Amino acid sequence: MTDGPGSTPDMPSGWAAEQPPPYGGAAGAAGPSWASPGAGAPQGANPSASYPSTPPPSTPYAPYAGGQYGYRAPDAPRPGIIPLRPLTLGDILDGTIKLIRSNPKATLGLSAIVAAVTGIPAAIGQAISFGSVGDLMADPYATDVVNGPLAGVAAQYIGAIISYIMTFVGTTILTGVLTRVLGRAVFGGRITVGEAWRLARSRVPALFGLVLLQALILLLPLLALVAVLVSLAAANAFDGTGNAGAGVAVLVVLLFFVAYVPYLLFFYTRLSLSAPTIVLEGRGVTDAMSRSWRLVKGDSWRVLGILLLTAILAAIISSVLAIPFTFGGSLIGMLSGGTAGGTAIAALLLAVGQVIASMITYPFQAGVAGLLYADRRMRAEAFDLVLQTAAAQNQSQGWVHAGVDDLWHPSYAAGMGPGSGPYHGAPPYGPYGPYGPQA
């Protein structure tokens, strides 16, 4: 209920009813309120509002195009890791770093645990492989000169396969938890690992389904290529035209990769926001993929550029951090002569290098994906206005309400209050939302 045009809507008990303070001010401070219509709001917030004839002391005059000076609108509020406006590349990278720094236990700590558990089989396999090479270097004339290196290679591949399966499971769960951490950090709030897991665990099955379906979409052309090559090989073996068949196979492979690279980049870009959508909006697998497709549409080149830059940065960071440990482990493994102690030390060094690299790159990539999702919603749906309203209420009460997690629900898109739009069920706050009580 509201009492008039200038009154404040009733809010649930967790939200403060008083008007929020101005930018950067404390609750109850004097000055225009940036969430209150008609009280010096920034341009665009309320067209009918009257604006002060002179700017406040904290907002200086700024030059515009042509060298003229005029009143500069206040900067967008920044209660958390990003400013609540459409983001630049610098905002996304800076916000990702701030996410890691402000929540080290939930980002670095959890990523280190996942990397340590998933990297152990691969490290053991590599250490055994290096030990077999060390045996060969120590005694080149050994009778088992072939079987030893082959056993080492087999151990390396088996360990890599086991680690890949464990990494698939671990990183999928980690993505859900880190996305929940990011959703709260946008408002300046912090969240424990336990609370993040409690909020994200119901979305883990959908995340697994998403990863499997995306892998099928991206790998399906490769399976078709394998089928074509097998058919060509069978046909060549039947008619005896081996050389001609080899030339055709090479041509098919070249043409395939010319077409496959654009295919891979296209679908990778269009589906890149599916995981944040599943975690923050609570959607199903196919619905989340459709949602990501719509959000990315119209800005595909920019999203692709940011994703590729992120992958390059992550690869560089991972290599720089892991190289000293990989070099040391490899050297010890080859010089130890295959002893148990040398193999254990080599495996330990390789595992430490993998953990240190992954504990940085995992949250970095998850943070960029989550902030890209937030940026696309702000650009496509004016979602920054919803975030600013909630941030003003948090600022007025002096703490971050846990209900901000529900603001990522799709019913809070621009032009739709809770209880409207395609998700017209009960609002996330029950009978309340950031717009006041619902009818």
Protein backbone atom coordinates (compact mmCIF):
# COMPACT_ATOMS: atom_id res chain seq x y z
CA MET A 1 0.00 0.00 0.00
CA THR A 2 1.14 3.54 -0.65
CA ASP A 3 -0.29 6.75 0.85
CA GLY A 4 0.39 9.06 -2.05
CA PRO A 5 2.72 9.98 -4.84
CA GLY A 6 5.60 10.82 -2.53
CA SER A 7 5.19 8.01 -0.02
CA THR A 8 7.45 5.00 0.38
CA PRO A 9 6.02 1.54 -0.42
CA ASP A 10 5.65 -0.90 2.42
CA MET A 11 8.55 -3.32 2.54
CA PRO A 12 9.00 -6.67 4.25
CA SER A 13 10.53 -6.73 7.70
CA GLY A 14 14.06 -7.29 6.35
CA TRP A 15 14.01 -4.14 4.24
CA ALA A 16 14.18 -0.66 5.69
CA ALA A 17 11.33 1.64 4.74
CA GLU A 18 13.25 4.90 4.99
CA GLN A 19 14.62 6.57 1.89
CA PRO A 20 18.18 5.66 0.94
CA PRO A 21 21.01 8.16 1.27
CA PRO A 22 22.60 9.96 -1.67
CA TYR A 23 25.56 8.53 -3.57
CA GLY A 24 28.35 7.61 -1.25
CA GLY A 25 26.51 9.01 1.79
CA ALA A 26 25.37 7.44 5.02
CA ALA A 27 21.81 6.68 5.96
CA GLY A 28 20.02 9.83 7.00
CA ALA A 29 22.54 12.14 5.34
CA ALA A 30 21.31 15.34 3.80
CA GLY A 31 21.15 15.72 0.07
CA PRO A 32 19.14 14.34 -2.83
CA SER A 33 18.28 10.64 -2.71
CA TRP A 34 19.28 8.71 -5.83
CA ALA A 35 16.43 6.21 -5.46
CA SER A 36 13.73 8.73 -4.55
CA PRO A 37 11.70 10.30 -7.41
CA GLY A 38 11.69 14.05 -7.45
CA ALA A 39 14.66 14.43 -5.12
CA GLY A 40 17.56 15.12 -7.42
CA ALA A 41 17.61 11.72 -9.08
CA PRO A 42 19.97 11.24 -12.00
CA GLN A 43 18.67 12.00 -15.44
CA GLY A 44 16.50 9.20 -16.78
CA ALA A 45 15.34 7.96 -13.39
CA ASN A 46 12.27 10.25 -13.31
CA PRO A 47 11.64 12.61 -16.26
CA SER A 48 9.23 14.78 -14.27
CA ALA A 49 11.64 15.34 -11.39
CA SER A 50 13.11 18.78 -10.78
CA TYR A 51 16.89 18.97 -10.71
CA PRO A 52 19.07 21.35 -8.73
CA SER A 53 20.26 24.40 -10.66
CA THR A 54 23.82 23.91 -9.41
CA PRO A 55 25.60 20.65 -8.74
CA PRO A 56 26.47 19.60 -5.22
CA PRO A 57 30.07 20.17 -4.11
CA SER A 58 30.92 16.47 -4.53
CA THR A 59 29.93 16.51 -8.22
CA PRO A 60 32.24 18.89 -10.14
CA TYR A 61 31.62 20.45 -13.50
CA ALA A 62 33.00 18.30 -16.30
CA PRO A 63 33.89 19.15 -19.92
CA TYR A 64 31.62 17.83 -22.62
CA ALA A 65 32.22 17.54 -26.36
CA GLY A 66 33.30 20.84 -27.88
CA GLY A 67 35.09 21.98 -24.75
CA GLN A 68 31.95 23.26 -23.03
CA TYR A 69 31.31 22.64 -19.36
CA GLY A 70 28.14 21.49 -17.73
CA TYR A 71 26.69 19.45 -14.90
CA ARG A 72 27.93 15.86 -14.85
CA ALA A 73 25.44 13.24 -13.71
CA PRO A 74 26.52 11.27 -10.64
CA ASP A 75 28.42 8.08 -11.28
CA ALA A 76 26.54 4.80 -11.12
CA PRO A 77 26.43 3.31 -7.62
CA ARG A 78 29.03 0.66 -6.87
CA PRO A 79 28.03 -1.19 -3.71
CA GLY A 80 30.04 -4.29 -4.61
CA ILE A 81 32.53 -5.55 -7.16
CA ILE A 82 31.09 -3.70 -10.20
CA PRO A 83 29.33 -0.41 -10.93
CA LEU A 84 25.63 -0.97 -11.45
CA ARG A 85 25.59 0.03 -15.11
CA PRO A 86 26.53 -1.67 -18.40
CA LEU A 87 30.08 -2.90 -18.00
CA THR A 88 33.23 -2.30 -20.00
CA LEU A 89 35.96 -4.90 -20.45
CA GLY A 90 37.94 -3.19 -17.69
CA ASP A 91 34.93 -3.35 -15.35
CA ILE A 92 34.55 -7.10 -15.98
CA LEU A 93 38.21 -7.91 -15.38
CA ASP A 94 38.43 -5.58 -12.37
CA GLY A 95 35.21 -7.00 -10.93
CA THR A 96 36.53 -10.54 -11.31
CA ILE A 97 39.70 -9.65 -9.40
CA LYS A 98 37.64 -7.94 -6.70
CA LEU A 99 35.43 -11.04 -6.48
CA ILE A 100 38.47 -13.19 -5.72
CA ARG A 101 39.97 -10.70 -3.27
CA SER A 102 36.75 -10.07 -1.36
CA ASN A 103 35.81 -13.76 -1.03
CA PRO A 104 39.13 -15.63 -0.82
CA LYS A 105 37.79 -18.63 1.11
CA ALA A 106 34.87 -19.22 -1.21
CA THR A 107 36.91 -18.67 -4.40
CA LEU A 108 40.58 -19.50 -3.91
CA GLY A 109 40.05 -21.97 -1.08
CA LEU A 110 37.30 -23.96 -2.73
CA SER A 111 39.07 -23.91 -6.11
CA ALA A 112 42.27 -25.18 -4.48
CA ILE A 113 40.40 -28.09 -2.89
CA VAL A 114 38.76 -29.05 -6.20
CA ALA A 115 42.06 -28.73 -8.09
CA ALA A 116 43.94 -30.79 -5.49
CA VAL A 117 41.46 -33.65 -5.54
CA THR A 118 41.04 -33.74 -9.32
CA GLY A 119 44.73 -33.31 -10.16
CA ILE A 120 46.11 -36.17 -8.07
CA PRO A 121 45.58 -39.01 -10.63
CA ALA A 122 47.16 -37.01 -13.47
CA ALA A 123 50.15 -36.05 -11.29
CA ILE A 124 50.73 -39.69 -10.30
CA GLY A 125 50.52 -40.82 -13.93
CA GLN A 126 52.99 -38.16 -15.03
CA ALA A 127 55.40 -39.06 -12.22
CA ILE A 128 55.32 -42.75 -13.22
CA SER A 129 55.94 -41.76 -16.83
CA PHE A 130 58.93 -39.61 -15.88
CA GLY A 131 60.23 -42.45 -13.68
CA SER A 132 60.13 -44.88 -16.61
CA VAL A 133 62.09 -42.40 -18.73
CA GLY A 134 64.59 -42.10 -15.86
CA ASP A 135 65.00 -45.88 -15.81
CA LEU A 136 65.72 -45.84 -19.54
CA MET A 137 68.28 -43.03 -19.14
CA ALA A 138 70.00 -44.88 -16.29
CA ASP A 139 70.26 -48.19 -18.22
CA PRO A 140 69.74 -47.76 -21.98
CA TYR A 141 70.64 -51.43 -22.58
CA ALA A 142 68.02 -52.87 -20.28
CA THR A 143 66.10 -55.83 -21.65
CA ASP A 144 62.77 -54.12 -20.89
CA VAL A 145 63.69 -51.04 -22.95
CA VAL A 146 60.31 -50.98 -24.73
CA ASN A 147 57.80 -52.13 -22.13
CA GLY A 148 59.03 -49.70 -19.48
CA PRO A 149 58.33 -46.45 -21.43
CA LEU A 150 55.09 -47.92 -22.79
CA ALA A 151 53.91 -48.64 -19.25
CA GLY A 152 54.80 -45.08 -18.26
CA VAL A 153 52.84 -43.64 -21.19
CA ALA A 154 49.87 -45.87 -20.34
CA ALA A 155 49.98 -44.70 -16.70
CA GLN A 156 50.10 -41.07 -17.83
CA TYR A 157 47.06 -41.43 -20.08
CA ILE A 158 45.06 -43.40 -17.52
CA GLY A 159 45.79 -40.79 -14.87
CA ALA A 160 44.83 -38.00 -17.28
CA ILE A 161 41.51 -39.69 -18.10
CA ILE A 162 40.64 -40.20 -14.44
CA SER A 163 41.58 -36.60 -13.67
CA TYR A 164 39.47 -35.34 -16.57
CA ILE A 165 36.39 -37.17 -15.30
CA MET A 166 36.94 -35.89 -11.76
CA THR A 167 37.58 -32.37 -13.08
CA PHE A 168 34.31 -32.49 -15.01
CA VAL A 169 32.42 -33.26 -11.82
CA GLY A 170 34.40 -30.85 -9.62
CA THR A 171 34.35 -27.83 -11.90
CA THR A 172 30.64 -28.24 -12.60
CA ILE A 173 29.87 -28.06 -8.89
CA LEU A 174 32.42 -25.28 -8.45
CA THR A 175 30.76 -23.21 -11.18
CA GLY A 176 27.46 -23.28 -9.32
CA VAL A 177 29.00 -22.27 -6.00
CA LEU A 178 31.16 -19.48 -7.49
CA THR A 179 28.21 -18.08 -9.41
CA ARG A 180 26.24 -17.82 -6.19
CA VAL A 181 29.17 -16.03 -4.55
CA LEU A 182 29.26 -13.60 -7.45
CA GLY A 183 25.52 -12.97 -7.30
CA ARG A 184 25.86 -11.70 -3.72
CA ALA A 185 29.17 -9.87 -4.31
CA VAL A 186 27.56 -7.60 -6.92
CA PHE A 187 25.66 -6.00 -4.03
CA GLY A 188 28.72 -5.85 -1.77
CA GLY A 189 27.68 -8.84 0.31
CA ARG A 190 29.76 -11.83 1.30
CA ILE A 191 28.70 -15.42 1.49
CA THR A 192 30.22 -18.46 3.13
CA VAL A 193 31.04 -21.64 1.26
CA GLY A 194 28.34 -23.50 3.17
CA GLU A 195 25.66 -20.95 2.34
CA ALA A 196 26.73 -20.82 -1.31
CA TRP A 197 26.55 -24.61 -1.52
CA ARG A 198 23.12 -24.64 0.12
CA LEU A 199 21.85 -22.18 -2.50
CA ALA A 200 23.53 -23.88 -5.46
CA ARG A 201 23.19 -27.61 -4.78
CA SER A 202 19.69 -27.87 -6.23
CA ARG A 203 21.06 -26.55 -9.53
CA VAL A 204 23.92 -29.06 -9.80
CA PRO A 205 21.93 -31.72 -11.76
CA ALA A 206 20.91 -29.06 -14.29
CA LEU A 207 24.55 -27.95 -14.57
CA PHE A 208 25.63 -31.52 -15.31
CA GLY A 209 22.92 -31.80 -17.95
CA LEU A 210 24.03 -28.50 -19.46
CA VAL A 211 27.67 -29.55 -19.70
CA LEU A 212 26.77 -32.89 -21.31
CA LEU A 213 24.39 -31.32 -23.82
CA GLN A 214 26.85 -28.57 -24.74
CA ALA A 215 29.61 -31.14 -25.19
CA LEU A 216 27.33 -33.16 -27.48
CA ILE A 217 26.53 -30.09 -29.59
CA LEU A 218 30.19 -29.10 -29.89
CA LEU A 219 31.54 -32.62 -30.50
CA LEU A 220 28.82 -33.94 -32.80
CA PRO A 221 30.60 -32.74 -35.98
CA LEU A 222 33.79 -34.49 -34.82
CA LEU A 223 31.88 -37.74 -34.46
CA ALA A 224 30.53 -37.26 -37.98
CA LEU A 225 34.09 -36.71 -39.25
CA VAL A 226 35.26 -39.94 -37.62
CA ALA A 227 32.40 -41.81 -39.26
CA VAL A 228 33.32 -40.37 -42.68
CA LEU A 229 36.99 -41.27 -42.28
CA VAL A 230 36.14 -44.82 -41.20
CA SER A 231 33.89 -45.18 -44.25
CA LEU A 232 36.67 -43.93 -46.54
CA ALA A 233 39.18 -46.33 -44.98
CA ALA A 234 36.80 -49.25 -45.40
CA ALA A 235 36.13 -48.32 -49.03
CA ASN A 236 39.85 -47.98 -49.80
CA ALA A 237 40.64 -51.31 -48.18
CA PHE A 238 37.94 -52.91 -50.31
CA ASP A 239 39.03 -51.58 -53.72
CA GLY A 240 42.78 -51.29 -53.00
CA THR A 241 43.15 -47.55 -53.86
CA GLY A 242 45.10 -46.68 -50.73
CA ASN A 243 47.05 -43.64 -52.00
CA ALA A 244 44.06 -41.97 -53.63
CA GLY A 245 41.99 -42.62 -50.54
CA ALA A 246 44.61 -41.00 -48.31
CA GLY A 247 44.49 -37.82 -50.41
CA VAL A 248 40.71 -37.67 -50.18
CA ALA A 249 40.87 -38.19 -46.42
CA VAL A 250 43.35 -35.31 -46.01
CA LEU A 251 41.14 -33.03 -48.12
CA VAL A 252 38.06 -33.97 -46.07
CA VAL A 253 39.89 -33.22 -42.80
CA LEU A 254 41.08 -29.81 -44.04
CA LEU A 255 37.63 -28.79 -45.28
CA PHE A 256 36.09 -30.02 -42.05
CA PHE A 257 38.28 -27.88 -39.81
CA VAL A 258 37.77 -24.82 -42.02
CA ALA A 259 34.03 -25.18 -41.34
CA TYR A 260 34.28 -26.52 -37.79
CA VAL A 261 36.19 -23.62 -36.23
CA PRO A 262 33.41 -21.05 -36.98
CA TYR A 263 30.82 -23.60 -35.86
CA LEU A 264 32.64 -24.14 -32.58
CA LEU A 265 33.12 -20.43 -31.85
CA PHE A 266 29.51 -19.62 -32.78
CA PHE A 267 27.87 -22.14 -30.46
CA TYR A 268 30.45 -21.61 -27.72
CA THR A 269 29.61 -17.90 -27.71
CA ARG A 270 25.84 -18.22 -27.93
CA LEU A 271 25.69 -20.78 -25.09
CA SER A 272 28.33 -19.17 -22.86
CA LEU A 273 25.82 -17.59 -20.44
CA SER A 274 23.81 -20.77 -19.84
CA ALA A 275 25.52 -21.74 -16.56
CA PRO A 276 24.92 -18.38 -14.79
CA THR A 277 21.34 -18.50 -16.05
CA ILE A 278 20.79 -21.96 -14.54
CA VAL A 279 22.23 -20.96 -11.15
CA LEU A 280 20.89 -17.42 -10.74
CA GLU A 281 17.55 -17.69 -12.57
CA GLY A 282 16.72 -21.29 -11.68
CA ARG A 283 16.00 -22.35 -15.25
CA GLY A 284 16.17 -25.80 -16.79
CA VAL A 285 18.84 -26.91 -19.26
CA THR A 286 17.18 -26.16 -22.60
CA ASP A 287 15.47 -23.05 -21.21
CA ALA A 288 18.83 -21.74 -19.98
CA MET A 289 20.42 -22.36 -23.38
CA SER A 290 17.61 -20.46 -25.10
CA ARG A 291 17.98 -17.66 -22.57
CA SER A 292 21.74 -17.44 -23.20
CA TRP A 293 21.13 -17.42 -26.95
CA ARG A 294 18.76 -14.43 -26.62
CA LEU A 295 21.03 -12.50 -24.28
CA VAL A 296 24.10 -12.89 -26.49
CA LYS A 297 22.25 -12.18 -29.73
CA GLY A 298 23.15 -8.74 -31.03
CA ASP A 299 26.46 -8.59 -29.17
CA SER A 300 28.08 -11.85 -30.23
CA TRP A 301 31.38 -10.41 -31.42
CA ARG A 302 32.00 -8.53 -28.19
CA VAL A 303 31.12 -11.55 -26.05
CA LEU A 304 33.33 -13.79 -28.18
CA GLY A 305 36.25 -11.36 -27.89
CA ILE A 306 35.96 -11.20 -24.11
CA LEU A 307 35.72 -14.99 -23.84
CA LEU A 308 38.76 -15.53 -26.06
CA LEU A 309 40.75 -12.91 -24.15
CA THR A 310 39.79 -14.59 -20.89
CA ALA A 311 40.90 -18.00 -22.19
CA ILE A 312 44.24 -16.55 -23.32
CA LEU A 313 44.82 -14.78 -20.00
CA ALA A 314 43.89 -17.93 -18.06
CA ALA A 315 46.30 -20.02 -20.16
CA ILE A 316 49.13 -17.54 -19.62
CA ILE A 317 48.51 -17.30 -15.87
CA SER A 318 48.27 -21.08 -15.56
CA SER A 319 51.50 -21.64 -17.49
CA VAL A 320 53.47 -19.04 -15.57
CA LEU A 321 52.36 -20.42 -12.20
CA ALA A 322 52.78 -24.10 -13.09
CA ILE A 323 56.05 -24.03 -15.07
CA PRO A 324 58.45 -23.99 -12.07
CA PHE A 325 56.70 -26.94 -10.43
CA THR A 326 56.34 -28.86 -13.70
CA PHE A 327 60.02 -28.38 -14.51
CA GLY A 328 61.13 -29.40 -11.01
CA GLY A 329 58.85 -32.44 -10.91
CA SER A 330 59.91 -33.59 -14.36
CA LEU A 331 63.59 -33.20 -13.53
CA ILE A 332 63.31 -35.09 -10.23
CA GLY A 333 61.21 -37.82 -11.84
CA MET A 334 63.78 -38.45 -14.59
CA LEU A 335 66.86 -38.22 -12.36
CA SER A 336 65.53 -40.28 -9.47
CA GLY A 337 65.92 -43.54 -11.39
CA GLY A 338 62.31 -44.58 -10.80
CA THR A 339 62.64 -44.86 -7.01
CA ALA A 340 59.52 -44.63 -4.88
CA GLY A 341 60.76 -41.51 -3.11
CA GLY A 342 61.62 -39.72 -6.35
CA THR A 343 58.28 -40.63 -7.89
CA ALA A 344 56.40 -39.35 -4.83
CA ILE A 345 58.28 -36.03 -4.80
CA ALA A 346 57.75 -35.58 -8.54
CA ALA A 347 54.01 -36.28 -8.18
CA LEU A 348 53.77 -33.84 -5.28
CA LEU A 349 55.47 -31.02 -7.20
CA LEU A 350 53.32 -31.59 -10.26
CA ALA A 351 50.16 -31.61 -8.13
CA VAL A 352 51.15 -28.41 -6.31
CA GLY A 353 51.75 -26.64 -9.61
CA GLN A 354 48.37 -27.75 -10.92
CA VAL A 355 46.61 -26.65 -7.73
CA ILE A 356 48.20 -23.19 -7.69
CA ALA A 357 47.37 -22.62 -11.35
CA SER A 358 43.80 -23.89 -11.10
CA MET A 359 42.92 -22.04 -7.89
CA ILE A 360 43.42 -18.80 -9.84
CA THR A 361 42.06 -19.72 -13.25
CA TYR A 362 38.86 -21.48 -12.09
CA PRO A 363 37.35 -18.46 -10.27
CA PHE A 364 38.76 -16.08 -12.90
CA GLN A 365 36.89 -17.78 -15.75
CA ALA A 366 33.73 -18.29 -13.71
CA GLY A 367 33.80 -14.63 -12.63
CA VAL A 368 34.11 -13.33 -16.19
CA ALA A 369 31.22 -15.53 -17.36
CA GLY A 370 29.02 -14.36 -14.48
CA LEU A 371 29.78 -10.67 -15.02
CA LEU A 372 29.23 -11.03 -18.76
CA TYR A 373 25.80 -12.41 -17.91
CA ALA A 374 25.09 -9.43 -15.65
CA ASP A 375 26.32 -7.02 -18.31
CA ARG A 376 24.11 -8.50 -21.01
CA ARG A 377 21.05 -8.28 -18.76
CA MET A 378 21.83 -4.64 -17.99
CA ARG A 379 22.25 -3.83 -21.68
CA ALA A 380 19.31 -5.87 -22.99
CA GLU A 381 16.82 -5.44 -20.13
CA ALA A 382 17.93 -2.30 -18.26
CA PHE A 383 18.50 -4.66 -15.33
CA ASP A 384 20.84 -2.09 -13.76
CA LEU A 385 17.76 -0.16 -12.60
CA VAL A 386 16.58 -3.19 -10.62
CA LEU A 387 20.06 -3.62 -9.11
CA GLN A 388 20.26 0.06 -8.20
CA THR A 389 16.89 -0.05 -6.44
CA ALA A 390 17.98 -3.00 -4.31
CA ALA A 391 21.37 -1.41 -3.64
CA ALA A 392 19.66 1.75 -2.39
CA GLN A 393 17.57 -0.26 0.04
CA ASN A 394 20.62 -2.16 1.24
CA GLN A 395 22.47 1.11 1.76
CA SER A 396 19.63 2.65 3.72
CA GLN A 397 19.47 -0.27 6.13
CA GLY A 398 23.24 -0.61 6.40
CA TRP A 399 23.54 -4.26 5.41
CA VAL A 400 22.98 -6.55 2.43
CA HIS A 401 19.69 -8.39 2.64
CA ALA A 402 19.91 -12.09 1.70
CA GLY A 403 16.85 -11.60 -0.50
CA VAL A 404 19.00 -9.89 -3.14
CA ASP A 405 19.83 -13.38 -4.41
CA ASP A 406 16.27 -13.59 -5.71
CA LEU A 407 16.59 -10.37 -7.72
CA TRP A 408 18.32 -12.38 -10.44
CA HIS A 409 15.00 -14.08 -11.09
CA PRO A 410 13.81 -13.31 -14.65
CA SER A 411 10.61 -11.69 -13.41
CA TYR A 412 12.71 -8.67 -12.37
CA ALA A 413 13.57 -7.68 -15.94
CA ALA A 414 12.94 -4.12 -17.11
CA GLY A 415 9.32 -3.17 -17.34
CA MET A 416 8.16 -6.13 -15.26
CA GLY A 417 7.63 -6.17 -11.55
CA PRO A 418 7.51 -9.43 -9.60
CA GLY A 419 4.41 -11.40 -10.44
CA SER A 420 4.31 -10.31 -14.09
CA GLY A 421 5.83 -11.54 -17.30
CA PRO A 422 6.34 -15.17 -18.30
CA TYR A 423 7.27 -16.10 -14.72
CA HIS A 424 4.09 -14.81 -13.16
CA GLY A 425 4.00 -17.07 -10.12
CA ALA A 426 4.63 -16.01 -6.55
CA PRO A 427 7.33 -13.31 -6.34
CA PRO A 428 10.65 -14.36 -4.80
CA TYR A 429 9.99 -12.36 -1.65
CA GLY A 430 6.58 -13.93 -1.12
CA PRO A 431 4.06 -11.07 -1.26
CA TYR A 432 6.86 -8.50 -1.42
CA GLY A 433 9.47 -7.39 -3.89
CA PRO A 434 11.72 -4.39 -4.40
CA TYR A 435 8.70 -2.55 -5.77
CA GLY A 436 6.59 -2.94 -2.67
CA PRO A 437 3.68 -5.26 -1.87
CA GLN A 438 2.07 -7.08 -4.76
CA ALA A 439 -1.61 -7.13 -5.54
